[in-house]
Amino acid sequence: MNARSTERPIDLRSDTVTQPTEAMRAAMLAAPLGDDVFADDPSVNALQQQIAELLGFEAALFVPTGTQSNLCAILSHCQRGDEYIVGQQAHCYRWEGGGAAVLGSVQPQPLDHQPDGTLALEQIEAAIKPDDAHFARTRLLALENTLGGKLLPFAYVEQATQLALSKGLARHLDGARLFNAATAQAAALGTEVRAEARRIAACFDSVSVCFSKGLGAPVGSALCGSREFIARAHRIRKMAGGGMRQSGLLAAAASHALTHHVDRLADDHALARRLADGLAGIDGLQVEPPQTNLLFVDLTGAARPRSAELLAHLKAHGVLATGLYRLRFATHLDVDAEGIDRAIGAIRGFFHA
């Protein structure tokens, strides 16, 4: 057995694998509780107000998962026989079990992404169906930011959402990693992260934010929108089984994350760049420069068929990664520079063995 295998694993599979910090656990323990189905859990109510005000919306709804948040959004914007325009790689289309179609009879209209993750404006416009009985009714444009770790350019976000508005479409943002997007945007502009998150959110009628990814809470997402929209989403959440009782324990963790873990996302981005730099120049490895906390790597040439072998090698050396469709490494609050250097050493060891 490799000596490294006895050390704590460096888990780079996702930023969802984090453990609550001691301060977060203390916040959960101290949280005042009620029954959120009766809307009287003070910790849930406080979180909903906190995230709504932070992003500039009238109201918000705390839900167990990002998948449920997107489902509530789509089914609140659309009715049976309606359609939403979305990217082929968007989470709410590709990775959420087809929920909008299966549970809501809402048809997706997927479009191919451009290399930067955007959907071409002319393709969005061309996909909007005429008002004719032969077609589903196009009602919604759904974007995702970040998408595969890439920041959607803000000028594009403005253009795409203005196009949707001009065509009478609602606009939803899957902002599971919205604060990662805002961190990257703020770094480029020299502005403040929360201000950039609010500026991105202002382009949309609804926004979903995940607390259990980069922000490090154990569970939960929030859906933000107008009071009328959130009232509709609340009904969908109930039907989807998302009404929880003393969920203030979870809301307190999310609130702590919003207060204490947003500014540190820049550290995760720096670690992703450190990992990319450490892998540069390896023959058989193509590294996509990371924009946020997700690093994608492709094996090339003779090494291309060896993805599974590389993942097994890394696991044997105490490094966990995922290769569902490309090799992906996610940095997060439970990873430090020493862990990244261990991962670099394990990967280089595979190629230089």
Protein backbone atom coordinates (compact mmCIF):
# COMPACT_ATOMS: atom_id res chain seq x y z
CA MET A 1 0.00 0.00 0.00
CA ASN A 2 1.29 3.43 -0.89
CA ALA A 3 2.25 5.51 2.15
CA ARG A 4 0.10 8.34 0.85
CA SER A 5 -3.02 6.15 1.05
CA THR A 6 -2.99 6.37 4.85
CA GLU A 7 -3.30 10.17 4.77
CA ARG A 8 -6.59 12.05 4.57
CA PRO A 9 -7.77 11.86 0.94
CA ILE A 10 -7.56 14.98 -1.20
CA ASP A 11 -11.13 15.00 -2.50
CA LEU A 12 -11.30 16.96 -5.74
CA ARG A 13 -14.43 15.27 -7.10
CA SER A 14 -16.68 18.24 -6.40
CA ASP A 15 -17.12 21.30 -4.21
CA THR A 16 -20.16 19.51 -2.75
CA VAL A 17 -18.01 17.16 -0.62
CA THR A 18 -17.11 19.74 2.03
CA GLN A 19 -17.76 19.26 5.74
CA PRO A 20 -19.33 22.06 7.82
CA THR A 21 -16.73 24.15 9.61
CA GLU A 22 -16.79 24.32 13.40
CA ALA A 23 -18.22 27.84 13.19
CA MET A 24 -20.95 26.62 10.85
CA ARG A 25 -21.80 23.74 13.19
CA ALA A 26 -22.06 26.21 16.07
CA ALA A 27 -24.42 28.39 14.02
CA MET A 28 -26.59 25.36 13.27
CA LEU A 29 -26.66 24.36 16.92
CA ALA A 30 -27.71 27.86 18.00
CA ALA A 31 -30.36 28.33 15.29
CA PRO A 32 -33.86 29.23 16.52
CA LEU A 33 -36.35 26.82 14.98
CA GLY A 34 -39.98 26.66 13.99
CA ASP A 35 -42.03 24.80 11.39
CA ASP A 36 -41.27 26.05 7.90
CA VAL A 37 -44.37 24.39 6.42
CA PHE A 38 -46.26 26.88 8.60
CA ALA A 39 -43.73 29.55 7.51
CA ASP A 40 -42.70 30.18 11.12
CA ASP A 41 -39.12 28.92 11.21
CA PRO A 42 -37.23 32.14 12.01
CA SER A 43 -33.92 30.85 10.65
CA VAL A 44 -35.44 29.92 7.30
CA ASN A 45 -37.26 33.23 7.08
CA ALA A 46 -34.07 35.11 7.89
CA LEU A 47 -32.11 33.23 5.21
CA GLN A 48 -34.79 33.86 2.60
CA GLN A 49 -34.76 37.56 3.37
CA GLN A 50 -30.95 37.63 3.41
CA ILE A 51 -30.47 36.08 -0.03
CA ALA A 52 -33.37 37.99 -1.60
CA GLU A 53 -32.01 41.33 -0.40
CA LEU A 54 -28.45 40.42 -1.35
CA LEU A 55 -29.47 39.68 -4.95
CA GLY A 56 -32.08 42.44 -5.25
CA PHE A 57 -35.30 40.40 -5.31
CA GLU A 58 -38.58 40.75 -3.44
CA ALA A 59 -38.62 37.21 -2.07
CA ALA A 60 -36.84 33.87 -1.91
CA LEU A 61 -37.65 30.24 -1.20
CA PHE A 62 -35.35 27.80 0.62
CA VAL A 63 -35.35 24.35 -1.01
CA PRO A 64 -33.40 21.14 -0.34
CA THR A 65 -31.54 20.97 -3.67
CA GLY A 66 -30.55 22.94 -6.73
CA THR A 67 -32.41 20.43 -8.89
CA GLN A 68 -35.64 21.19 -7.03
CA SER A 69 -34.94 24.91 -7.21
CA ASN A 70 -34.63 24.78 -11.01
CA LEU A 71 -37.70 22.57 -11.26
CA CYS A 72 -39.75 25.01 -9.18
CA ALA A 73 -38.51 27.86 -11.35
CA ILE A 74 -39.32 26.27 -14.70
CA LEU A 75 -42.74 25.05 -13.60
CA SER A 76 -43.54 28.47 -12.13
CA HIS A 77 -42.61 30.27 -15.35
CA CYS A 78 -44.17 27.69 -17.70
CA GLN A 79 -47.37 25.70 -18.03
CA ARG A 80 -48.08 22.33 -19.68
CA GLY A 81 -47.33 22.58 -23.38
CA ASP A 82 -44.88 25.45 -22.91
CA GLU A 83 -41.20 25.37 -23.82
CA TYR A 84 -37.95 26.70 -22.41
CA ILE A 85 -34.79 27.47 -24.40
CA VAL A 86 -31.67 26.07 -22.75
CA GLY A 87 -28.13 24.93 -23.49
CA GLN A 88 -27.23 21.34 -24.30
CA GLN A 89 -24.87 21.20 -21.30
CA ALA A 90 -27.06 23.18 -18.90
CA HIS A 91 -27.65 21.41 -15.62
CA CYS A 92 -31.41 21.96 -15.65
CA TYR A 93 -31.62 20.21 -19.03
CA ARG A 94 -28.90 17.56 -19.06
CA TRP A 95 -28.26 16.59 -15.44
CA GLU A 96 -31.61 16.82 -13.63
CA GLY A 97 -33.44 13.75 -14.89
CA GLY A 98 -35.63 15.61 -17.36
CA GLY A 99 -37.76 16.81 -14.46
CA ALA A 100 -39.46 19.73 -16.21
CA ALA A 101 -40.60 17.46 -19.05
CA VAL A 102 -41.44 14.45 -16.88
CA LEU A 103 -43.23 16.27 -14.06
CA GLY A 104 -44.42 19.46 -15.73
CA SER A 105 -44.95 18.57 -19.41
CA VAL A 106 -42.68 21.51 -20.25
CA GLN A 107 -40.65 20.91 -23.39
CA PRO A 108 -36.96 21.83 -23.47
CA GLN A 109 -35.51 23.37 -26.63
CA PRO A 110 -31.75 22.71 -26.23
CA LEU A 111 -29.18 24.69 -28.20
CA ASP A 112 -25.49 24.00 -28.74
CA HIS A 113 -23.06 26.09 -26.73
CA GLN A 114 -20.40 28.29 -28.23
CA PRO A 115 -16.81 27.60 -27.06
CA ASP A 116 -17.17 30.20 -24.28
CA GLY A 117 -20.35 28.57 -22.95
CA THR A 118 -22.77 31.11 -24.43
CA LEU A 119 -25.76 30.41 -26.66
CA ALA A 120 -25.59 32.30 -29.94
CA LEU A 121 -28.10 35.16 -29.90
CA GLU A 122 -29.27 34.42 -33.43
CA GLN A 123 -29.91 30.80 -32.46
CA ILE A 124 -31.91 31.86 -29.42
CA GLU A 125 -34.05 34.12 -31.59
CA ALA A 126 -34.48 31.44 -34.25
CA ALA A 127 -35.59 28.90 -31.63
CA ILE A 128 -38.52 31.04 -30.43
CA LYS A 129 -41.62 29.43 -31.91
CA PRO A 130 -44.35 31.40 -33.67
CA ASP A 131 -47.75 31.59 -32.00
CA ASP A 132 -49.20 28.62 -33.84
CA ALA A 133 -51.03 25.50 -32.69
CA HIS A 134 -48.36 23.30 -34.25
CA PHE A 135 -45.74 24.41 -31.74
CA ALA A 136 -45.11 24.45 -28.05
CA ARG A 137 -45.33 27.96 -26.61
CA THR A 138 -41.85 29.39 -26.03
CA ARG A 139 -41.99 31.02 -22.59
CA LEU A 140 -38.55 31.00 -20.96
CA LEU A 141 -34.83 31.39 -21.54
CA ALA A 142 -32.71 29.51 -19.00
CA LEU A 143 -29.01 30.31 -18.68
CA GLU A 144 -26.37 28.96 -16.31
CA ASN A 145 -23.49 30.95 -14.77
CA THR A 146 -20.94 29.57 -14.24
CA LEU A 147 -21.27 26.83 -16.86
CA GLY A 148 -18.66 24.12 -16.58
CA GLY A 149 -16.62 26.51 -14.49
CA LYS A 150 -16.74 29.21 -17.17
CA LEU A 151 -17.94 32.74 -16.50
CA LEU A 152 -20.55 33.94 -18.98
CA PRO A 153 -19.37 37.38 -20.17
CA PHE A 154 -21.58 40.01 -18.56
CA ALA A 155 -22.11 41.87 -21.84
CA TYR A 156 -23.47 38.64 -23.29
CA VAL A 157 -25.75 38.06 -20.28
CA GLU A 158 -27.21 41.53 -20.79
CA GLN A 159 -27.71 40.97 -24.51
CA ALA A 160 -29.28 37.53 -24.17
CA THR A 161 -31.67 38.52 -21.41
CA GLN A 162 -32.66 41.71 -23.21
CA LEU A 163 -33.37 39.67 -26.32
CA ALA A 164 -35.56 37.32 -24.28
CA LEU A 165 -37.38 40.25 -22.70
CA SER A 166 -38.02 41.85 -26.10
CA LYS A 167 -39.60 38.59 -27.28
CA GLY A 168 -41.83 38.28 -24.23
CA LEU A 169 -39.85 35.47 -22.57
CA ALA A 170 -39.17 35.11 -18.87
CA ARG A 171 -35.51 34.72 -17.86
CA HIS A 172 -34.16 32.21 -15.34
CA LEU A 173 -30.59 31.85 -14.12
CA ASP A 174 -29.27 28.60 -12.75
CA GLY A 175 -26.74 30.33 -10.54
CA ALA A 176 -25.69 27.25 -8.60
CA ARG A 177 -22.21 28.76 -8.58
CA LEU A 178 -23.32 32.38 -8.99
CA PHE A 179 -20.87 33.58 -6.35
CA ASN A 180 -18.00 31.88 -8.16
CA ALA A 181 -19.09 33.76 -11.28
CA ALA A 182 -19.28 36.99 -9.30
CA THR A 183 -15.84 36.35 -7.79
CA ALA A 184 -14.27 35.94 -11.23
CA GLN A 185 -16.12 38.97 -12.59
CA ALA A 186 -15.16 41.12 -9.62
CA ALA A 187 -11.50 40.09 -9.95
CA ALA A 188 -11.50 41.14 -13.59
CA LEU A 189 -13.17 44.48 -12.92
CA GLY A 190 -11.67 45.34 -9.53
CA THR A 191 -15.12 45.49 -7.93
CA GLU A 192 -16.86 43.83 -4.99
CA VAL A 193 -18.13 40.25 -5.25
CA ARG A 194 -21.60 40.77 -3.79
CA ALA A 195 -22.16 43.79 -6.02
CA GLU A 196 -21.30 41.70 -9.07
CA ALA A 197 -23.62 38.89 -7.94
CA ARG A 198 -26.43 41.43 -7.65
CA ARG A 199 -25.59 42.93 -11.05
CA ILE A 200 -25.75 39.52 -12.73
CA ALA A 201 -28.99 38.64 -10.92
CA ALA A 202 -30.62 41.91 -12.03
CA CYS A 203 -30.71 40.59 -15.61
CA PHE A 204 -33.11 37.79 -14.66
CA ASP A 205 -36.66 37.28 -13.40
CA SER A 206 -35.55 34.39 -11.20
CA VAL A 207 -32.26 33.08 -9.88
CA SER A 208 -31.35 29.79 -8.23
CA VAL A 209 -28.35 29.77 -5.87
CA CYS A 210 -26.77 26.66 -4.35
CA PHE A 211 -25.35 26.82 -0.81
CA SER A 212 -23.84 23.31 -0.81
CA LYS A 213 -21.32 23.83 -3.61
CA GLY A 214 -18.60 26.46 -3.35
CA LEU A 215 -20.18 28.06 -0.28
CA GLY A 216 -19.70 24.89 1.75
CA ALA A 217 -23.08 24.40 3.44
CA PRO A 218 -24.19 20.77 3.83
CA VAL A 219 -27.58 21.11 2.12
CA GLY A 220 -29.79 23.58 0.34
CA SER A 221 -30.46 26.10 -2.40
CA ALA A 222 -32.60 29.20 -2.72
CA LEU A 223 -34.84 30.39 -5.51
CA CYS A 224 -35.26 34.16 -5.77
CA GLY A 225 -37.87 36.20 -7.62
CA SER A 226 -40.91 38.40 -7.21
CA ARG A 227 -43.38 37.72 -4.40
CA GLU A 228 -45.94 36.45 -6.90
CA PHE A 229 -43.41 34.16 -8.55
CA ILE A 230 -42.19 32.76 -5.23
CA ALA A 231 -45.80 32.08 -4.18
CA ARG A 232 -46.17 29.90 -7.29
CA ALA A 233 -42.83 28.23 -6.61
CA HIS A 234 -43.88 27.52 -3.03
CA ARG A 235 -46.81 25.48 -4.32
CA ILE A 236 -44.51 23.54 -6.67
CA ARG A 237 -42.06 22.90 -3.82
CA LYS A 238 -44.88 21.38 -1.78
CA MET A 239 -45.91 19.08 -4.65
CA ALA A 240 -42.28 18.07 -5.16
CA GLY A 241 -41.94 17.08 -1.49
CA GLY A 242 -39.70 19.98 -0.55
CA GLY A 243 -41.70 21.28 2.39
CA MET A 244 -39.49 20.70 5.43
CA ARG A 245 -40.24 21.26 9.10
CA GLN A 246 -37.46 22.48 11.44
CA SER A 247 -35.24 23.21 8.45
CA GLY A 248 -33.75 26.22 10.20
CA LEU A 249 -30.85 23.93 11.15
CA LEU A 250 -29.96 23.81 7.47
CA ALA A 251 -30.87 27.41 6.78
CA ALA A 252 -28.52 28.56 9.54
CA ALA A 253 -25.65 26.77 7.80
CA ALA A 254 -26.54 28.45 4.50
CA SER A 255 -26.80 31.86 6.16
CA HIS A 256 -23.40 31.36 7.79
CA ALA A 257 -21.97 30.42 4.39
CA LEU A 258 -23.38 33.57 2.80
CA THR A 259 -21.87 35.71 5.52
CA HIS A 260 -18.47 34.03 5.87
CA HIS A 261 -17.65 31.95 2.78
CA VAL A 262 -18.27 34.25 -0.18
CA ASP A 263 -15.07 36.27 0.08
CA ARG A 264 -12.90 33.17 0.42
CA LEU A 265 -13.99 31.78 -2.98
CA ALA A 266 -11.03 33.64 -4.48
CA ASP A 267 -8.81 31.18 -2.58
CA ASP A 268 -10.44 28.25 -4.38
CA HIS A 269 -9.90 29.95 -7.73
CA ALA A 270 -6.24 30.48 -6.89
CA LEU A 271 -5.84 26.80 -5.97
CA ALA A 272 -7.37 25.74 -9.29
CA ARG A 273 -4.81 27.90 -11.07
CA ARG A 274 -2.05 26.38 -8.92
CA LEU A 275 -3.17 22.91 -9.97
CA ALA A 276 -3.31 23.93 -13.65
CA ASP A 277 0.18 25.44 -13.46
CA GLY A 278 1.49 22.29 -11.80
CA LEU A 279 0.15 20.10 -14.60
CA ALA A 280 1.42 22.28 -17.43
CA GLY A 281 3.81 20.64 -19.86
CA ILE A 282 2.90 17.01 -19.15
CA ASP A 283 2.99 15.06 -22.41
CA GLY A 284 -0.41 13.43 -22.93
CA LEU A 285 -2.31 15.92 -20.79
CA GLN A 286 -4.23 18.92 -22.09
CA VAL A 287 -5.20 21.39 -19.38
CA GLU A 288 -7.96 23.95 -19.89
CA PRO A 289 -7.01 27.14 -18.01
CA PRO A 290 -9.54 27.49 -15.16
CA GLN A 291 -11.65 30.62 -14.75
CA THR A 292 -13.07 29.63 -11.36
CA ASN A 293 -12.69 26.58 -9.10
CA LEU A 294 -13.20 23.84 -11.69
CA LEU A 295 -10.29 22.49 -13.70
CA PHE A 296 -10.93 20.28 -16.74
CA VAL A 297 -8.23 18.03 -18.13
CA ASP A 298 -8.18 15.84 -21.23
CA LEU A 299 -5.86 12.94 -21.95
CA THR A 300 -4.43 13.09 -25.47
CA GLY A 301 -2.54 10.85 -27.87
CA ALA A 302 -1.50 7.46 -26.52
CA ALA A 303 -2.69 8.45 -23.03
CA ARG A 304 -6.26 9.08 -24.19
CA PRO A 305 -7.68 5.61 -23.33
CA ARG A 306 -6.12 5.67 -19.84
CA SER A 307 -8.59 7.92 -17.99
CA ALA A 308 -9.92 5.11 -15.79
CA GLU A 309 -6.38 3.95 -15.10
CA LEU A 310 -5.37 7.49 -14.06
CA LEU A 311 -8.36 7.82 -11.72
CA ALA A 312 -7.49 4.48 -10.09
CA HIS A 313 -3.86 5.57 -9.71
CA LEU A 314 -4.94 8.82 -8.07
CA LYS A 315 -7.27 7.02 -5.69
CA ALA A 316 -4.46 4.68 -4.67
CA HIS A 317 -2.40 7.77 -3.89
CA GLY A 318 -5.13 9.44 -1.84
CA VAL A 319 -6.47 11.79 -4.50
CA LEU A 320 -10.11 11.61 -5.62
CA ALA A 321 -11.32 13.04 -8.93
CA THR A 322 -14.14 12.39 -11.37
CA GLY A 323 -14.17 11.55 -15.05
CA LEU A 324 -17.86 11.39 -15.96
CA TYR A 325 -17.30 13.08 -19.32
CA ARG A 326 -13.91 14.79 -18.88
CA LEU A 327 -11.44 14.65 -16.03
CA ARG A 328 -12.56 17.30 -13.56
CA PHE A 329 -10.90 18.63 -10.42
CA ALA A 330 -12.83 20.92 -8.07
CA THR A 331 -11.15 23.04 -5.42
CA HIS A 332 -13.03 24.02 -2.28
CA LEU A 333 -12.70 25.04 1.36
CA ASP A 334 -11.53 21.58 2.47
CA VAL A 335 -8.52 21.67 0.11
CA ASP A 336 -5.33 23.63 0.72
CA ALA A 337 -2.10 24.28 -1.18
CA GLU A 338 -0.42 21.22 0.34
CA GLY A 339 -3.25 19.04 -0.93
CA ILE A 340 -3.03 20.53 -4.39
CA ASP A 341 0.70 19.86 -4.46
CA ARG A 342 0.03 16.25 -3.45
CA ALA A 343 -2.42 15.94 -6.34
CA ILE A 344 0.11 17.42 -8.76
CA GLY A 345 2.74 14.94 -7.58
CA ALA A 346 0.37 11.99 -7.97
CA ILE A 347 -0.64 12.99 -11.49
CA ARG A 348 2.93 13.61 -12.57
CA GLY A 349 3.91 10.26 -11.06
CA PHE A 350 1.38 8.50 -13.27
CA PHE A 351 2.77 9.98 -16.46
CA HIS A 352 6.42 9.63 -15.49
CA ALA A 353 6.24 6.11 -14.12
